[in-house]
Amino acid sequence: MVPWQVCGSSIAKTGVMSRKVRFVSAVIIIILISWFDFQYLSQFPHSFPISENIRRISHLLLLVAVMLVGGFAWAKSTIEWVRALWWYVYLFALAVLFVTGLLAHFINIPYNVLYAFYKFRIFFCSPLPFFILYIFSKLKKN
C-alpha cells in the first residue's frame, strides 16, 4: 500500500492526484519555500553568513523549485494557456534574474536597481503568481 491510498480519500479511489489536491499541495509547498527563502536567505541580520554568490544561486534554485511545484499543479489543467503562461513567465523571470546576477557579479550595480530586482524575485518566489493565475483560470471558466 502506498501512502496516498489511505483513509478512502479521492486519491485512493482514482489512483491519481485530483486537481484540488495538487493545487492545495502546491500552495503549501510554495508558501514553505517562500518562507524559507525570506527567513533564511533574504533577511540580512537573520540570514546565514554565506557568500553573496551562494545566496544568489540559492535564490535561483528556490525560484526553480517554485516553478516546478507550480508546473506540477498546473500539469492537469484543462486550460492550455494557463500551463503555458506559468512556464513562460517563470522562465522569463529566471532569465532576467540570472542575467542580473551575472551582471552584479562582474560590475557594480546601484542599490536601487538591485532592490527592484529583489522585489521582482520576492514576488515570483511567493504564492501570489499562483493565486493570480488561479483567479484568471476561474474567470475564464465562467
N, C-alpha and C. Protein backbone atom coordinates (compact mmCIF):
# COMPACT_ATOMS: atom_id res chain seq x y z
N MET A 1 0.86 -1.18 0.00
CA MET A 1 0.00 0.00 0.00
C MET A 1 0.89 1.24 0.00
N VAL A 2 0.60 2.16 -0.87
CA VAL A 2 1.36 3.40 -0.93
C VAL A 2 0.71 4.45 -0.04
N PRO A 3 1.47 5.47 0.39
CA PRO A 3 0.94 6.42 1.36
C PRO A 3 -0.34 7.13 0.96
N TRP A 4 -0.54 7.38 -0.35
CA TRP A 4 -1.73 8.13 -0.73
C TRP A 4 -2.97 7.25 -0.84
N GLN A 5 -2.85 5.94 -0.58
CA GLN A 5 -4.01 5.05 -0.60
C GLN A 5 -4.50 4.77 0.82
N VAL A 6 -4.71 5.82 1.56
CA VAL A 6 -5.11 5.70 2.96
C VAL A 6 -6.44 6.42 3.17
N CYS A 7 -7.22 5.95 4.08
CA CYS A 7 -8.44 6.62 4.56
C CYS A 7 -9.51 6.82 3.51
N GLY A 8 -9.52 6.06 2.43
CA GLY A 8 -10.59 6.17 1.45
C GLY A 8 -10.65 7.52 0.76
N SER A 9 -9.53 8.20 0.65
CA SER A 9 -9.52 9.53 0.04
C SER A 9 -9.75 9.42 -1.46
N SER A 10 -9.96 10.57 -2.08
CA SER A 10 -10.17 10.58 -3.52
C SER A 10 -8.91 10.14 -4.25
N ILE A 11 -7.77 10.34 -3.61
CA ILE A 11 -6.52 9.89 -4.21
C ILE A 11 -6.52 8.36 -4.29
N ALA A 12 -6.98 7.74 -3.22
CA ALA A 12 -7.00 6.28 -3.20
C ALA A 12 -8.01 5.73 -4.20
N LYS A 13 -9.12 6.43 -4.38
CA LYS A 13 -10.17 5.94 -5.27
C LYS A 13 -9.77 6.05 -6.74
N THR A 14 -9.11 7.13 -7.10
CA THR A 14 -8.77 7.33 -8.50
C THR A 14 -7.39 6.83 -8.86
N GLY A 15 -6.50 6.74 -7.87
CA GLY A 15 -5.15 6.31 -8.15
C GLY A 15 -4.24 7.44 -8.61
N VAL A 16 -4.82 8.59 -8.87
CA VAL A 16 -4.03 9.76 -9.24
C VAL A 16 -4.48 10.94 -8.38
N MET A 17 -3.62 11.90 -8.31
CA MET A 17 -3.94 13.08 -7.51
C MET A 17 -4.98 13.94 -8.23
N SER A 18 -6.01 14.33 -7.52
CA SER A 18 -7.00 15.21 -8.10
C SER A 18 -6.40 16.61 -8.25
N ARG A 19 -7.02 17.42 -9.08
CA ARG A 19 -6.54 18.78 -9.28
C ARG A 19 -6.58 19.58 -7.99
N LYS A 20 -7.61 19.37 -7.20
CA LYS A 20 -7.74 20.11 -5.94
C LYS A 20 -6.59 19.78 -4.99
N VAL A 21 -6.25 18.50 -4.88
CA VAL A 21 -5.14 18.08 -4.02
C VAL A 21 -3.83 18.64 -4.55
N ARG A 22 -3.66 18.64 -5.88
CA ARG A 22 -2.45 19.22 -6.48
C ARG A 22 -2.34 20.70 -6.14
N PHE A 23 -3.44 21.43 -6.26
CA PHE A 23 -3.41 22.86 -6.00
C PHE A 23 -3.12 23.17 -4.54
N VAL A 24 -3.78 22.47 -3.64
CA VAL A 24 -3.56 22.72 -2.21
C VAL A 24 -2.13 22.34 -1.83
N SER A 25 -1.66 21.22 -2.33
CA SER A 25 -0.27 20.81 -2.05
C SER A 25 0.71 21.84 -2.59
N ALA A 26 0.47 22.31 -3.80
CA ALA A 26 1.37 23.30 -4.40
C ALA A 26 1.39 24.59 -3.60
N VAL A 27 0.24 25.05 -3.17
CA VAL A 27 0.19 26.29 -2.38
C VAL A 27 0.97 26.12 -1.08
N ILE A 28 0.78 25.00 -0.41
CA ILE A 28 1.50 24.77 0.85
C ILE A 28 3.01 24.72 0.61
N ILE A 29 3.43 24.00 -0.41
CA ILE A 29 4.86 23.89 -0.69
C ILE A 29 5.45 25.24 -1.10
N ILE A 30 4.73 25.99 -1.93
CA ILE A 30 5.23 27.31 -2.34
C ILE A 30 5.32 28.25 -1.14
N ILE A 31 4.36 28.19 -0.25
CA ILE A 31 4.42 29.02 0.97
C ILE A 31 5.65 28.64 1.81
N LEU A 32 5.92 27.35 1.94
CA LEU A 32 7.09 26.90 2.70
C LEU A 32 8.40 27.35 2.05
N ILE A 33 8.47 27.23 0.73
CA ILE A 33 9.67 27.69 0.01
C ILE A 33 9.84 29.19 0.18
N SER A 34 8.75 29.92 0.03
CA SER A 34 8.79 31.38 0.19
C SER A 34 9.23 31.78 1.59
N TRP A 35 8.70 31.09 2.59
CA TRP A 35 9.08 31.38 3.97
C TRP A 35 10.57 31.11 4.18
N PHE A 36 11.05 29.97 3.71
CA PHE A 36 12.46 29.63 3.88
C PHE A 36 13.35 30.66 3.18
N ASP A 37 12.99 31.02 1.97
CA ASP A 37 13.77 32.00 1.21
C ASP A 37 13.83 33.33 1.94
N PHE A 38 12.69 33.81 2.38
CA PHE A 38 12.65 35.12 3.04
C PHE A 38 13.32 35.08 4.41
N GLN A 39 13.06 34.03 5.16
CA GLN A 39 13.57 33.94 6.53
C GLN A 39 15.08 33.69 6.59
N TYR A 40 15.57 32.79 5.76
CA TYR A 40 16.95 32.36 5.91
C TYR A 40 17.91 32.92 4.85
N LEU A 41 17.40 33.43 3.74
CA LEU A 41 18.30 33.93 2.71
C LEU A 41 18.14 35.41 2.42
N SER A 42 17.01 36.00 2.77
CA SER A 42 16.76 37.39 2.39
C SER A 42 16.89 38.38 3.54
N GLN A 43 16.59 37.98 4.74
CA GLN A 43 16.66 38.90 5.87
C GLN A 43 18.09 38.97 6.39
N PHE A 44 18.76 40.10 6.18
CA PHE A 44 20.20 40.19 6.45
C PHE A 44 20.60 39.83 7.87
N PRO A 45 20.04 40.43 8.92
CA PRO A 45 20.55 40.09 10.25
C PRO A 45 20.31 38.64 10.64
N HIS A 46 19.27 38.04 10.09
CA HIS A 46 18.91 36.67 10.47
C HIS A 46 19.42 35.63 9.48
N SER A 47 19.92 36.08 8.34
CA SER A 47 20.34 35.11 7.34
C SER A 47 21.68 34.49 7.72
N PHE A 48 21.89 33.33 7.18
CA PHE A 48 23.13 32.63 7.46
C PHE A 48 24.30 33.40 6.86
N PRO A 49 25.45 33.32 7.50
CA PRO A 49 26.62 34.01 6.97
C PRO A 49 27.22 33.25 5.77
N ILE A 50 26.60 33.44 4.62
CA ILE A 50 27.08 32.78 3.40
C ILE A 50 27.46 33.85 2.39
N SER A 51 28.26 33.48 1.43
CA SER A 51 28.72 34.45 0.44
C SER A 51 27.55 34.92 -0.44
N GLU A 52 27.72 36.06 -1.02
CA GLU A 52 26.66 36.64 -1.86
C GLU A 52 26.39 35.77 -3.08
N ASN A 53 27.41 35.16 -3.64
CA ASN A 53 27.21 34.30 -4.82
C ASN A 53 26.42 33.05 -4.46
N ILE A 54 26.71 32.45 -3.31
CA ILE A 54 25.94 31.28 -2.86
C ILE A 54 24.50 31.68 -2.59
N ARG A 55 24.31 32.85 -2.03
CA ARG A 55 22.96 33.35 -1.76
C ARG A 55 22.19 33.53 -3.06
N ARG A 56 22.82 34.10 -4.07
CA ARG A 56 22.16 34.31 -5.37
C ARG A 56 21.80 32.99 -6.02
N ILE A 57 22.71 32.03 -5.98
CA ILE A 57 22.43 30.71 -6.55
C ILE A 57 21.29 30.04 -5.80
N SER A 58 21.28 30.19 -4.48
CA SER A 58 20.20 29.61 -3.67
C SER A 58 18.85 30.23 -4.03
N HIS A 59 18.83 31.55 -4.23
CA HIS A 59 17.59 32.21 -4.64
C HIS A 59 17.10 31.65 -5.97
N LEU A 60 18.00 31.48 -6.93
CA LEU A 60 17.60 30.94 -8.23
C LEU A 60 17.10 29.50 -8.10
N LEU A 61 17.77 28.70 -7.29
CA LEU A 61 17.32 27.32 -7.12
C LEU A 61 15.95 27.24 -6.46
N LEU A 62 15.70 28.12 -5.50
CA LEU A 62 14.37 28.14 -4.88
C LEU A 62 13.31 28.62 -5.86
N LEU A 63 13.68 29.55 -6.72
CA LEU A 63 12.75 30.00 -7.75
C LEU A 63 12.44 28.87 -8.74
N VAL A 64 13.45 28.08 -9.07
CA VAL A 64 13.23 26.91 -9.92
C VAL A 64 12.29 25.92 -9.21
N ALA A 65 12.48 25.75 -7.90
CA ALA A 65 11.60 24.86 -7.14
C ALA A 65 10.15 25.34 -7.18
N VAL A 66 9.95 26.65 -7.01
CA VAL A 66 8.59 27.21 -7.09
C VAL A 66 8.02 26.97 -8.48
N MET A 67 8.83 27.17 -9.51
CA MET A 67 8.38 26.98 -10.88
C MET A 67 7.96 25.52 -11.10
N LEU A 68 8.75 24.58 -10.60
CA LEU A 68 8.43 23.16 -10.79
C LEU A 68 7.20 22.74 -10.00
N VAL A 69 7.06 23.25 -8.79
CA VAL A 69 5.87 22.93 -7.98
C VAL A 69 4.62 23.47 -8.67
N GLY A 70 4.68 24.71 -9.13
CA GLY A 70 3.54 25.27 -9.85
C GLY A 70 3.26 24.53 -11.14
N GLY A 71 4.31 24.13 -11.84
CA GLY A 71 4.14 23.35 -13.07
C GLY A 71 3.47 22.02 -12.79
N PHE A 72 3.81 21.40 -11.66
CA PHE A 72 3.15 20.16 -11.24
C PHE A 72 1.67 20.40 -11.00
N ALA A 73 1.34 21.50 -10.34
CA ALA A 73 -0.07 21.80 -10.04
C ALA A 73 -0.86 22.09 -11.32
N TRP A 74 -0.25 22.79 -12.27
CA TRP A 74 -0.96 23.18 -13.48
C TRP A 74 -0.89 22.10 -14.57
N ALA A 75 -0.16 21.02 -14.34
CA ALA A 75 0.02 20.00 -15.37
C ALA A 75 -1.29 19.36 -15.82
N LYS A 76 -2.24 19.23 -14.94
CA LYS A 76 -3.52 18.58 -15.28
C LYS A 76 -4.61 19.60 -15.61
N SER A 77 -4.23 20.86 -15.74
CA SER A 77 -5.22 21.89 -16.07
C SER A 77 -5.76 21.66 -17.48
N THR A 78 -7.06 21.88 -17.63
CA THR A 78 -7.67 21.72 -18.95
C THR A 78 -7.52 22.97 -19.81
N ILE A 79 -7.04 24.04 -19.22
CA ILE A 79 -6.85 25.28 -19.95
C ILE A 79 -5.37 25.38 -20.35
N GLU A 80 -5.11 25.18 -21.62
CA GLU A 80 -3.74 25.11 -22.12
C GLU A 80 -2.95 26.40 -21.89
N TRP A 81 -3.59 27.55 -22.09
CA TRP A 81 -2.84 28.80 -21.96
C TRP A 81 -2.40 29.06 -20.53
N VAL A 82 -3.07 28.49 -19.54
CA VAL A 82 -2.68 28.66 -18.14
C VAL A 82 -1.34 27.95 -17.91
N ARG A 83 -1.24 26.73 -18.39
CA ARG A 83 0.03 25.99 -18.25
C ARG A 83 1.15 26.72 -18.96
N ALA A 84 0.90 27.13 -20.19
CA ALA A 84 1.92 27.80 -20.97
C ALA A 84 2.34 29.11 -20.31
N LEU A 85 1.38 29.87 -19.84
CA LEU A 85 1.69 31.15 -19.19
C LEU A 85 2.55 30.94 -17.96
N TRP A 86 2.23 29.92 -17.16
CA TRP A 86 3.05 29.64 -15.96
C TRP A 86 4.50 29.42 -16.34
N TRP A 87 4.72 28.53 -17.31
CA TRP A 87 6.10 28.20 -17.69
C TRP A 87 6.82 29.38 -18.33
N TYR A 88 6.16 30.10 -19.24
CA TYR A 88 6.82 31.20 -19.92
C TYR A 88 7.17 32.34 -18.97
N VAL A 89 6.26 32.67 -18.08
CA VAL A 89 6.51 33.76 -17.14
C VAL A 89 7.66 33.41 -16.20
N TYR A 90 7.66 32.19 -15.70
CA TYR A 90 8.73 31.79 -14.78
C TYR A 90 10.07 31.63 -15.49
N LEU A 91 10.08 31.15 -16.71
CA LEU A 91 11.33 31.08 -17.46
C LEU A 91 11.87 32.47 -17.75
N PHE A 92 10.98 33.40 -18.06
CA PHE A 92 11.39 34.79 -18.26
C PHE A 92 11.98 35.37 -16.97
N ALA A 93 11.30 35.14 -15.84
CA ALA A 93 11.78 35.66 -14.55
C ALA A 93 13.14 35.07 -14.21
N LEU A 94 13.31 33.77 -14.44
CA LEU A 94 14.60 33.14 -14.19
C LEU A 94 15.70 33.74 -15.06
N ALA A 95 15.40 33.94 -16.32
CA ALA A 95 16.39 34.52 -17.23
C ALA A 95 16.78 35.93 -16.80
N VAL A 96 15.80 36.74 -16.45
CA VAL A 96 16.07 38.11 -16.02
C VAL A 96 16.93 38.10 -14.75
N LEU A 97 16.57 37.28 -13.79
CA LEU A 97 17.32 37.25 -12.54
C LEU A 97 18.71 36.63 -12.72
N PHE A 98 18.84 35.67 -13.60
CA PHE A 98 20.14 35.08 -13.87
C PHE A 98 21.08 36.09 -14.50
N VAL A 99 20.60 36.81 -15.50
CA VAL A 99 21.42 37.83 -16.15
C VAL A 99 21.77 38.94 -15.16
N THR A 100 20.82 39.35 -14.35
CA THR A 100 21.09 40.38 -13.34
C THR A 100 22.14 39.91 -12.34
N GLY A 101 22.05 38.66 -11.92
CA GLY A 101 23.04 38.11 -11.00
C GLY A 101 24.43 38.07 -11.62
N LEU A 102 24.50 37.68 -12.89
CA LEU A 102 25.79 37.68 -13.57
C LEU A 102 26.37 39.10 -13.67
N LEU A 103 25.53 40.04 -14.05
CA LEU A 103 25.99 41.42 -14.14
C LEU A 103 26.43 41.95 -12.78
N ALA A 104 25.68 41.63 -11.75
CA ALA A 104 26.02 42.10 -10.40
C ALA A 104 27.33 41.48 -9.92
N HIS A 105 27.64 40.30 -10.42
CA HIS A 105 28.90 39.66 -10.04
C HIS A 105 30.10 40.37 -10.65
N PHE A 106 29.94 40.88 -11.88
CA PHE A 106 31.06 41.47 -12.59
C PHE A 106 31.14 42.98 -12.53
N ILE A 107 29.98 43.64 -12.38
CA ILE A 107 30.00 45.11 -12.31
C ILE A 107 29.23 45.58 -11.08
N ASN A 108 29.45 46.80 -10.72
CA ASN A 108 28.78 47.37 -9.56
C ASN A 108 27.44 47.97 -10.01
N ILE A 109 26.36 47.34 -9.61
CA ILE A 109 25.02 47.82 -9.96
C ILE A 109 24.51 48.65 -8.80
N PRO A 110 23.92 49.81 -9.08
CA PRO A 110 23.40 50.66 -7.99
C PRO A 110 22.37 49.92 -7.13
N TYR A 111 22.35 50.29 -5.86
CA TYR A 111 21.48 49.63 -4.89
C TYR A 111 20.01 49.69 -5.28
N ASN A 112 19.54 50.86 -5.76
CA ASN A 112 18.12 50.98 -6.09
C ASN A 112 17.72 50.07 -7.26
N VAL A 113 18.64 49.79 -8.17
CA VAL A 113 18.36 48.86 -9.26
C VAL A 113 18.29 47.43 -8.71
N LEU A 114 19.25 47.07 -7.88
CA LEU A 114 19.24 45.74 -7.27
C LEU A 114 18.00 45.54 -6.39
N TYR A 115 17.57 46.59 -5.73
CA TYR A 115 16.38 46.50 -4.88
C TYR A 115 15.13 46.20 -5.71
N ALA A 116 15.05 46.78 -6.91
CA ALA A 116 13.92 46.50 -7.80
C ALA A 116 13.91 45.02 -8.20
N PHE A 117 15.08 44.47 -8.49
CA PHE A 117 15.17 43.05 -8.84
C PHE A 117 14.91 42.15 -7.63
N TYR A 118 15.28 42.64 -6.44
CA TYR A 118 14.97 41.92 -5.21
C TYR A 118 13.45 41.78 -5.05
N LYS A 119 12.72 42.88 -5.27
CA LYS A 119 11.26 42.83 -5.17
C LYS A 119 10.66 41.93 -6.25
N PHE A 120 11.24 41.98 -7.43
CA PHE A 120 10.83 41.12 -8.54
C PHE A 120 10.97 39.65 -8.13
N ARG A 121 12.12 39.29 -7.55
CA ARG A 121 12.37 37.92 -7.13
C ARG A 121 11.44 37.50 -5.99
N ILE A 122 11.25 38.38 -5.03
CA ILE A 122 10.37 38.07 -3.90
C ILE A 122 8.94 37.80 -4.40
N PHE A 123 8.49 38.58 -5.39
CA PHE A 123 7.15 38.36 -5.94
C PHE A 123 7.03 36.96 -6.55
N PHE A 124 8.02 36.58 -7.36
CA PHE A 124 7.93 35.29 -8.05
C PHE A 124 8.23 34.10 -7.14
N CYS A 125 8.82 34.36 -5.99
CA CYS A 125 9.07 33.27 -5.03
C CYS A 125 7.90 33.14 -4.05
N SER A 126 6.92 33.99 -4.17
CA SER A 126 5.75 33.95 -3.30
C SER A 126 4.61 33.18 -3.98
N PRO A 127 3.55 32.89 -3.24
CA PRO A 127 2.40 32.21 -3.86
C PRO A 127 1.50 33.15 -4.67
N LEU A 128 1.80 34.44 -4.70
CA LEU A 128 0.94 35.39 -5.42
C LEU A 128 0.76 35.07 -6.90
N PRO A 129 1.81 34.79 -7.67
CA PRO A 129 1.58 34.45 -9.09
C PRO A 129 0.68 33.23 -9.26
N PHE A 130 0.81 32.26 -8.36
CA PHE A 130 -0.04 31.07 -8.43
C PHE A 130 -1.51 31.45 -8.22
N PHE A 131 -1.76 32.28 -7.20
CA PHE A 131 -3.14 32.70 -6.92
C PHE A 131 -3.70 33.55 -8.07
N ILE A 132 -2.88 34.43 -8.62
CA ILE A 132 -3.34 35.27 -9.73
C ILE A 132 -3.73 34.41 -10.93
N LEU A 133 -2.89 33.44 -11.24
CA LEU A 133 -3.20 32.55 -12.37
C LEU A 133 -4.43 31.70 -12.08
N TYR A 134 -4.60 31.29 -10.84
CA TYR A 134 -5.79 30.53 -10.45
C TYR A 134 -7.05 31.38 -10.65
N ILE A 135 -7.00 32.64 -10.26
CA ILE A 135 -8.15 33.53 -10.44
C ILE A 135 -8.44 33.72 -11.93
N PHE A 136 -7.38 33.92 -12.75
CA PHE A 136 -7.58 34.04 -14.20
C PHE A 136 -8.23 32.78 -14.77
N SER A 137 -7.80 31.62 -14.30
CA SER A 137 -8.36 30.37 -14.83
C SER A 137 -9.83 30.23 -14.44
N LYS A 138 -10.19 30.68 -13.24
CA LYS A 138 -11.60 30.62 -12.81
C LYS A 138 -12.46 31.62 -13.59
N LEU A 139 -11.90 32.80 -13.89
CA LEU A 139 -12.63 33.78 -14.68
C LEU A 139 -12.87 33.26 -16.09
N LYS A 140 -11.90 32.56 -16.64
CA LYS A 140 -12.02 32.00 -17.98
C LYS A 140 -13.11 30.94 -18.04
N LYS A 141 -13.23 30.13 -16.98
CA LYS A 141 -14.24 29.07 -16.96
C LYS A 141 -15.64 29.65 -16.85
N ASN A 142 -15.79 30.79 -16.16
CA ASN A 142 -17.11 31.40 -16.01
C ASN A 142 -17.36 32.29 -17.17
